[in-house]
Amino acid sequence: MEKEENFEIQVLTRLAVIESKLDNYKKIEDICYRGYNNSKENTKDISNLKEKVANIEKDVEGIKDQPRQRWFNLIGTILSVVVTAIVTFMLVKMGLK
């Protein structure tokens, strides 16, 4: 009788250990699932950030080109004025008014 009770106690003890391990497994499974979902969200966020950075790079390049374009326009205008002045001067010297 004592052996049977001892055996029952051992079986119940082992069953309790198995149940606690199963409970921990469910907790770990839940944590893993949430981690997986977070990584999928992070992947989407990273893709969005890459697109935004690419757009910002294009905008910065456009802003960088603006002063250069202004200088080119200014130099073109100055050259046009100088050429016009020279041609006008030559025409006046030649007697054409």
C-alpha atoms as a PDB file:
ATOM      1  CA  MET A   1       0.000   0.000   0.000  1.00  0.00           C
ATOM      2  CA  GLU A   2       2.793   2.368   0.863  1.00  0.00           C
ATOM      3  CA  LYS A   3       4.511   1.648  -2.456  1.00  0.00           C
ATOM      4  CA  GLU A   4       1.320   2.494  -4.335  1.00  0.00           C
ATOM      5  CA  GLU A   5       0.913   5.767  -2.469  1.00  0.00           C
ATOM      6  CA  ASN A   6       4.586   6.577  -3.039  1.00  0.00           C
ATOM      7  CA  PHE A   7       4.166   5.765  -6.735  1.00  0.00           C
ATOM      8  CA  GLU A   8       1.050   7.961  -6.937  1.00  0.00           C
ATOM      9  CA  ILE A   9       2.914  10.826  -5.287  1.00  0.00           C
ATOM     10  CA  GLN A  10       5.790  10.443  -7.772  1.00  0.00           C
ATOM     11  CA  VAL A  11       3.399  10.373 -10.712  1.00  0.00           C
ATOM     12  CA  LEU A  12       1.501  13.419  -9.457  1.00  0.00           C
ATOM     13  CA  THR A  13       4.752  15.266  -8.802  1.00  0.00           C
ATOM     14  CA  ARG A  14       5.999  14.522 -12.310  1.00  0.00           C
ATOM     15  CA  LEU A  15       2.644  15.536 -13.758  1.00  0.00           C
ATOM     16  CA  ALA A  16       2.808  18.854 -11.910  1.00  0.00           C
ATOM     17  CA  VAL A  17       6.325  19.459 -13.297  1.00  0.00           C
ATOM     18  CA  ILE A  18       5.141  18.651 -16.840  1.00  0.00           C
ATOM     19  CA  GLU A  19       2.154  20.994 -16.486  1.00  0.00           C
ATOM     20  CA  SER A  20       4.359  23.841 -15.262  1.00  0.00           C
ATOM     21  CA  LYS A  21       6.694  23.268 -18.227  1.00  0.00           C
ATOM     22  CA  LEU A  22       3.717  23.362 -20.584  1.00  0.00           C
ATOM     23  CA  ASP A  23       2.584  26.642 -19.016  1.00  0.00           C
ATOM     24  CA  ASN A  24       6.077  28.066 -19.565  1.00  0.00           C
ATOM     25  CA  TYR A  25       5.987  26.786 -23.155  1.00  0.00           C
ATOM     26  CA  LYS A  26       2.772  28.720 -23.801  1.00  0.00           C
ATOM     27  CA  LYS A  27       4.336  31.876 -22.379  1.00  0.00           C
ATOM     28  CA  ILE A  28       7.441  31.416 -24.517  1.00  0.00           C
ATOM     29  CA  GLU A  29       5.288  30.725 -27.581  1.00  0.00           C
ATOM     30  CA  ASP A  30       3.346  33.941 -26.966  1.00  0.00           C
ATOM     31  CA  ILE A  31       6.554  35.953 -26.557  1.00  0.00           C
ATOM     32  CA  CYS A  32       7.970  34.465 -29.774  1.00  0.00           C
ATOM     33  CA  TYR A  33       4.786  35.249 -31.681  1.00  0.00           C
ATOM     34  CA  ARG A  34       4.826  38.857 -30.487  1.00  0.00           C
ATOM     35  CA  GLY A  35       8.514  39.134 -31.396  1.00  0.00           C
ATOM     36  CA  TYR A  36       7.808  37.805 -34.880  1.00  0.00           C
ATOM     37  CA  ASN A  37       4.986  40.324 -35.375  1.00  0.00           C
ATOM     38  CA  ASN A  38       7.219  43.142 -34.142  1.00  0.00           C
ATOM     39  CA  SER A  39       9.937  42.142 -36.599  1.00  0.00           C
ATOM     40  CA  LYS A  40       7.425  42.197 -39.465  1.00  0.00           C
ATOM     41  CA  GLU A  41       6.298  45.685 -38.398  1.00  0.00           C
ATOM     42  CA  ASN A  42       9.938  46.801 -38.174  1.00  0.00           C
ATOM     43  CA  THR A  43      10.569  45.521 -41.692  1.00  0.00           C
ATOM     44  CA  LYS A  44       7.670  47.601 -42.997  1.00  0.00           C
ATOM     45  CA  ASP A  45       8.885  50.654 -41.058  1.00  0.00           C
ATOM     46  CA  ILE A  46      12.412  50.247 -42.439  1.00  0.00           C
ATOM     47  CA  SER A  47      11.045  50.052 -45.992  1.00  0.00           C
ATOM     48  CA  ASN A  48       9.054  53.248 -45.431  1.00  0.00           C
ATOM     49  CA  LEU A  49      12.117  54.978 -43.980  1.00  0.00           C
ATOM     50  CA  LYS A  50      14.214  53.945 -46.994  1.00  0.00           C
ATOM     51  CA  GLU A  51      11.645  55.472 -49.335  1.00  0.00           C
ATOM     52  CA  LYS A  52      11.531  58.681 -47.305  1.00  0.00           C
ATOM     53  CA  VAL A  53      15.329  58.936 -47.204  1.00  0.00           C
ATOM     54  CA  ALA A  54      15.479  58.460 -50.983  1.00  0.00           C
ATOM     55  CA  ASN A  55      12.940  61.280 -51.427  1.00  0.00           C
ATOM     56  CA  ILE A  56      14.880  63.522 -49.054  1.00  0.00           C
ATOM     57  CA  GLU A  57      18.100  62.819 -50.972  1.00  0.00           C
ATOM     58  CA  LYS A  58      16.397  63.894 -54.207  1.00  0.00           C
ATOM     59  CA  ASP A  59      15.136  67.077 -52.546  1.00  0.00           C
ATOM     60  CA  VAL A  60      18.594  67.882 -51.163  1.00  0.00           C
ATOM     61  CA  GLU A  61      20.167  67.398 -54.599  1.00  0.00           C
ATOM     62  CA  GLY A  62      17.578  69.785 -56.032  1.00  0.00           C
ATOM     63  CA  ILE A  63      18.322  72.354 -53.348  1.00  0.00           C
ATOM     64  CA  LYS A  64      22.066  71.989 -53.975  1.00  0.00           C
ATOM     65  CA  ASP A  65      21.564  72.639 -57.695  1.00  0.00           C
ATOM     66  CA  GLN A  66      19.573  75.853 -57.167  1.00  0.00           C
ATOM     67  CA  PRO A  67      22.517  78.150 -56.266  1.00  0.00           C
ATOM     68  CA  ARG A  68      24.625  76.674 -59.075  1.00  0.00           C
ATOM     69  CA  GLN A  69      21.802  77.305 -61.533  1.00  0.00           C
ATOM     70  CA  ARG A  70      21.462  80.883 -60.274  1.00  0.00           C
ATOM     71  CA  TRP A  71      25.163  81.486 -60.893  1.00  0.00           C
ATOM     72  CA  PHE A  72      24.877  80.059 -64.407  1.00  0.00           C
ATOM     73  CA  ASN A  73      21.905  82.327 -65.077  1.00  0.00           C
ATOM     74  CA  LEU A  74      23.767  85.328 -63.662  1.00  0.00           C
ATOM     75  CA  ILE A  75      26.870  84.650 -65.755  1.00  0.00           C
ATOM     76  CA  GLY A  76      24.691  84.173 -68.852  1.00  0.00           C
ATOM     77  CA  THR A  77      22.948  87.479 -68.206  1.00  0.00           C
ATOM     78  CA  ILE A  78      26.251  89.305 -67.657  1.00  0.00           C
ATOM     79  CA  LEU A  79      27.684  87.847 -70.863  1.00  0.00           C
ATOM     80  CA  SER A  80      24.553  88.870 -72.776  1.00  0.00           C
ATOM     81  CA  VAL A  81      24.818  92.419 -71.446  1.00  0.00           C
ATOM     82  CA  VAL A  82      28.536  92.618 -72.302  1.00  0.00           C
ATOM     83  CA  VAL A  83      27.995  91.276 -75.850  1.00  0.00           C
ATOM     84  CA  THR A  84      25.059  93.637 -76.361  1.00  0.00           C
ATOM     85  CA  ALA A  85      27.145  96.574 -75.112  1.00  0.00           C
ATOM     86  CA  ILE A  86      30.042  95.681 -77.436  1.00  0.00           C
ATOM     87  CA  VAL A  87      27.760  95.283 -80.450  1.00  0.00           C
ATOM     88  CA  THR A  88      25.993  98.560 -79.632  1.00  0.00           C
ATOM     89  CA  PHE A  89      29.330 100.342 -79.202  1.00  0.00           C
ATOM     90  CA  MET A  90      30.580  99.001 -82.540  1.00  0.00           C
ATOM     91  CA  LEU A  91      27.382 100.018 -84.314  1.00  0.00           C
ATOM     92  CA  VAL A  92      27.587 103.531 -82.839  1.00  0.00           C
ATOM     93  CA  LYS A  93      31.251 103.839 -83.908  1.00  0.00           C
ATOM     94  CA  MET A  94      30.332 102.745 -87.418  1.00  0.00           C
ATOM     95  CA  GLY A  95      27.682 105.413 -87.596  1.00  0.00           C
ATOM     96  CA  LEU A  96      24.612 103.212 -87.442  1.00  0.00           C
ATOM     97  CA  LYS A  97      22.071 104.449 -85.072  1.00  0.00           C
END
